[in-house]
């Protein structure tokens, strides 16, 4: 089973972060299967890839000890049933796209926050 994870800190209101996470997952061509304020599950739609290569992404939002608009720790886990026999596999490629989108989101939210302060 291939499994990749990363963490990031995002800043914004709960509504803003919720919308940003939804958009992030959709930009990665993932279908949202479940979401709550602190936990999201999304997966690739069947049909494009064999079942064992279908990637599932979990996003955990840790708001403990943070203010209402303070930094929030986000943990993303991408996994599938494929054995990672090659260093470049489908799950790793999907995870790389997810990390790139997450870094872009982090920069956007930081710029919005900086613009709001000025």
C-alpha atoms as a PDB file:
ATOM      1  CA  UNK A   1       0.000   0.000   0.000  1.00  0.00           C
ATOM      2  CA  UNK A   2       1.427   3.371  -1.029  1.00  0.00           C
ATOM      3  CA  UNK A   3       1.055   6.141   1.530  1.00  0.00           C
ATOM      4  CA  UNK A   4       2.399   9.700   1.490  1.00  0.00           C
ATOM      5  CA  UNK A   5       1.818  12.485   4.011  1.00  0.00           C
ATOM      6  CA  UNK A   6       2.640  16.141   4.561  1.00  0.00           C
ATOM      7  CA  UNK A   7       1.717  18.940   6.931  1.00  0.00           C
ATOM      8  CA  UNK A   8       1.217  22.648   6.397  1.00  0.00           C
ATOM      9  CA  UNK A   9       0.012  25.632   8.367  1.00  0.00           C
ATOM     10  CA  UNK A  10      -2.819  27.695   6.922  1.00  0.00           C
ATOM     11  CA  UNK A  11      -4.267  30.908   8.278  1.00  0.00           C
ATOM     12  CA  UNK A  12      -7.826  32.101   7.814  1.00  0.00           C
ATOM     13  CA  UNK A  13     -11.353  31.875   9.099  1.00  0.00           C
ATOM     14  CA  UNK A  14     -13.049  28.487   9.385  1.00  0.00           C
ATOM     15  CA  UNK A  15     -15.289  29.249   6.385  1.00  0.00           C
ATOM     16  CA  UNK A  16     -12.357  30.470   4.296  1.00  0.00           C
ATOM     17  CA  UNK A  17     -10.288  27.366   5.094  1.00  0.00           C
ATOM     18  CA  UNK A  18     -13.208  25.035   4.422  1.00  0.00           C
ATOM     19  CA  UNK A  19     -13.786  26.584   0.993  1.00  0.00           C
ATOM     20  CA  UNK A  20     -10.035  26.523   0.271  1.00  0.00           C
ATOM     21  CA  UNK A  21      -9.718  22.818   1.146  1.00  0.00           C
ATOM     22  CA  UNK A  22     -12.743  21.951  -1.009  1.00  0.00           C
ATOM     23  CA  UNK A  23     -11.282  23.868  -3.964  1.00  0.00           C
ATOM     24  CA  UNK A  24      -7.850  22.286  -3.406  1.00  0.00           C
ATOM     25  CA  UNK A  25      -9.278  18.768  -3.574  1.00  0.00           C
ATOM     26  CA  UNK A  26     -11.367  19.559  -6.645  1.00  0.00           C
ATOM     27  CA  UNK A  27      -8.337  21.050  -8.465  1.00  0.00           C
ATOM     28  CA  UNK A  28      -6.626  17.689  -7.923  1.00  0.00           C
ATOM     29  CA  UNK A  29      -9.593  15.974  -9.676  1.00  0.00           C
ATOM     30  CA  UNK A  30     -10.737  14.336  -6.429  1.00  0.00           C
ATOM     31  CA  UNK A  31     -14.354  13.771  -5.461  1.00  0.00           C
ATOM     32  CA  UNK A  32     -15.245  14.739  -1.900  1.00  0.00           C
ATOM     33  CA  UNK A  33     -16.659  11.674  -0.167  1.00  0.00           C
ATOM     34  CA  UNK A  34     -17.011  13.036   3.372  1.00  0.00           C
ATOM     35  CA  UNK A  35     -16.295  16.257   5.180  1.00  0.00           C
ATOM     36  CA  UNK A  36     -16.703  17.714   8.620  1.00  0.00           C
ATOM     37  CA  UNK A  37     -15.092  20.853  10.090  1.00  0.00           C
ATOM     38  CA  UNK A  38     -11.901  18.981  10.966  1.00  0.00           C
ATOM     39  CA  UNK A  39     -11.772  15.967   8.623  1.00  0.00           C
ATOM     40  CA  UNK A  40     -12.118  15.532   4.852  1.00  0.00           C
ATOM     41  CA  UNK A  41     -11.981  12.414   2.681  1.00  0.00           C
ATOM     42  CA  UNK A  42     -11.742  12.608  -1.104  1.00  0.00           C
ATOM     43  CA  UNK A  43     -11.017  10.032  -3.755  1.00  0.00           C
ATOM     44  CA  UNK A  44     -10.429   9.620  -7.433  1.00  0.00           C
ATOM     45  CA  UNK A  45     -13.522   8.693  -9.397  1.00  0.00           C
ATOM     46  CA  UNK A  46     -13.453   5.126 -10.733  1.00  0.00           C
ATOM     47  CA  UNK A  47     -12.979   4.501 -14.428  1.00  0.00           C
ATOM     48  CA  UNK A  48      -9.678   6.203 -15.278  1.00  0.00           C
ATOM     49  CA  UNK A  49      -7.385   3.899 -13.315  1.00  0.00           C
ATOM     50  CA  UNK A  50      -7.515   0.325 -12.013  1.00  0.00           C
ATOM     51  CA  UNK A  51      -9.095  -0.043  -8.586  1.00  0.00           C
ATOM     52  CA  UNK A  52      -5.769  -0.639  -6.804  1.00  0.00           C
ATOM     53  CA  UNK A  53      -4.394   2.648  -8.164  1.00  0.00           C
ATOM     54  CA  UNK A  54      -7.345   4.817  -7.098  1.00  0.00           C
ATOM     55  CA  UNK A  55      -6.014   7.365  -4.612  1.00  0.00           C
ATOM     56  CA  UNK A  56      -7.841   8.359  -1.439  1.00  0.00           C
ATOM     57  CA  UNK A  57      -6.839  11.587   0.300  1.00  0.00           C
ATOM     58  CA  UNK A  58      -7.543  12.394   3.938  1.00  0.00           C
ATOM     59  CA  UNK A  59      -7.193  15.957   5.199  1.00  0.00           C
ATOM     60  CA  UNK A  60      -7.060  16.481   8.971  1.00  0.00           C
ATOM     61  CA  UNK A  61      -7.523  20.001  10.326  1.00  0.00           C
ATOM     62  CA  UNK A  62      -6.038  20.563  13.797  1.00  0.00           C
ATOM     63  CA  UNK A  63      -7.459  23.713  15.395  1.00  0.00           C
ATOM     64  CA  UNK A  64      -6.444  22.887  18.978  1.00  0.00           C
ATOM     65  CA  UNK A  65      -4.875  25.778  20.838  1.00  0.00           C
ATOM     66  CA  UNK A  66      -5.469  28.234  18.002  1.00  0.00           C
ATOM     67  CA  UNK A  67      -7.478  31.441  17.925  1.00  0.00           C
ATOM     68  CA  UNK A  68     -10.433  31.859  15.567  1.00  0.00           C
ATOM     69  CA  UNK A  69      -8.264  33.222  12.725  1.00  0.00           C
ATOM     70  CA  UNK A  70      -4.900  31.872  13.875  1.00  0.00           C
ATOM     71  CA  UNK A  71      -2.730  29.345  12.063  1.00  0.00           C
ATOM     72  CA  UNK A  72      -4.234  25.883  11.661  1.00  0.00           C
ATOM     73  CA  UNK A  73      -2.208  22.706  11.114  1.00  0.00           C
ATOM     74  CA  UNK A  74      -3.339  20.713   8.072  1.00  0.00           C
ATOM     75  CA  UNK A  75      -2.196  17.110   7.583  1.00  0.00           C
ATOM     76  CA  UNK A  76      -2.746  15.504   4.169  1.00  0.00           C
ATOM     77  CA  UNK A  77      -2.454  11.754   3.627  1.00  0.00           C
ATOM     78  CA  UNK A  78      -2.642  10.237   0.146  1.00  0.00           C
ATOM     79  CA  UNK A  79      -2.917   6.466  -0.108  1.00  0.00           C
ATOM     80  CA  UNK A  80      -3.957   3.644  -2.383  1.00  0.00           C
ATOM     81  CA  UNK A  81      -3.709  -0.146  -2.607  1.00  0.00           C
ATOM     82  CA  UNK A  82      -0.884  -0.118  -5.155  1.00  0.00           C
ATOM     83  CA  UNK A  83       2.443  -1.486  -3.981  1.00  0.00           C
ATOM     84  CA  UNK A  84       5.003   1.311  -4.426  1.00  0.00           C
ATOM     85  CA  UNK A  85       7.468  -0.813  -6.403  1.00  0.00           C
ATOM     86  CA  UNK A  86       8.652   2.226  -8.368  1.00  0.00           C
ATOM     87  CA  UNK A  87       9.666   5.552  -6.844  1.00  0.00           C
ATOM     88  CA  UNK A  88       7.382   7.309  -9.318  1.00  0.00           C
ATOM     89  CA  UNK A  89       3.958   5.701  -9.059  1.00  0.00           C
ATOM     90  CA  UNK A  90       0.388   6.931  -9.472  1.00  0.00           C
ATOM     91  CA  UNK A  91      -0.140   7.683  -5.773  1.00  0.00           C
ATOM     92  CA  UNK A  92       3.138   9.610  -5.592  1.00  0.00           C
ATOM     93  CA  UNK A  93       2.189  11.649  -8.677  1.00  0.00           C
ATOM     94  CA  UNK A  94      -1.206  12.526  -7.191  1.00  0.00           C
ATOM     95  CA  UNK A  95       0.472  13.423  -3.897  1.00  0.00           C
ATOM     96  CA  UNK A  96       2.991  15.666  -5.692  1.00  0.00           C
ATOM     97  CA  UNK A  97       0.104  17.533  -7.328  1.00  0.00           C
ATOM     98  CA  UNK A  98      -1.652  17.819  -3.959  1.00  0.00           C
ATOM     99  CA  UNK A  99       1.499  19.230  -2.307  1.00  0.00           C
ATOM    100  CA  UNK A 100       1.988  21.748  -5.114  1.00  0.00           C
ATOM    101  CA  UNK A 101      -1.629  22.909  -4.799  1.00  0.00           C
ATOM    102  CA  UNK A 102      -1.258  23.091  -1.009  1.00  0.00           C
ATOM    103  CA  UNK A 103       1.889  25.237  -1.300  1.00  0.00           C
ATOM    104  CA  UNK A 104       0.070  27.549  -3.728  1.00  0.00           C
ATOM    105  CA  UNK A 105      -2.896  27.786  -1.344  1.00  0.00           C
ATOM    106  CA  UNK A 106      -0.556  28.560   1.552  1.00  0.00           C
ATOM    107  CA  UNK A 107       0.996  31.422  -0.435  1.00  0.00           C
ATOM    108  CA  UNK A 108      -2.430  32.776  -1.484  1.00  0.00           C
ATOM    109  CA  UNK A 109      -3.772  32.789   2.070  1.00  0.00           C
ATOM    110  CA  UNK A 110      -0.596  34.449   3.375  1.00  0.00           C
ATOM    111  CA  UNK A 111      -0.870  37.164   0.703  1.00  0.00           C
ATOM    112  CA  UNK A 112      -4.556  37.732   1.500  1.00  0.00           C
ATOM    113  CA  UNK A 113      -3.766  37.992   5.205  1.00  0.00           C
ATOM    114  CA  UNK A 114      -0.880  40.383   4.553  1.00  0.00           C
ATOM    115  CA  UNK A 115      -3.110  42.549   2.320  1.00  0.00           C
ATOM    116  CA  UNK A 116      -5.830  42.624   4.989  1.00  0.00           C
ATOM    117  CA  UNK A 117      -3.353  43.784   7.639  1.00  0.00           C
ATOM    118  CA  UNK A 118      -2.101  46.696   5.529  1.00  0.00           C
END
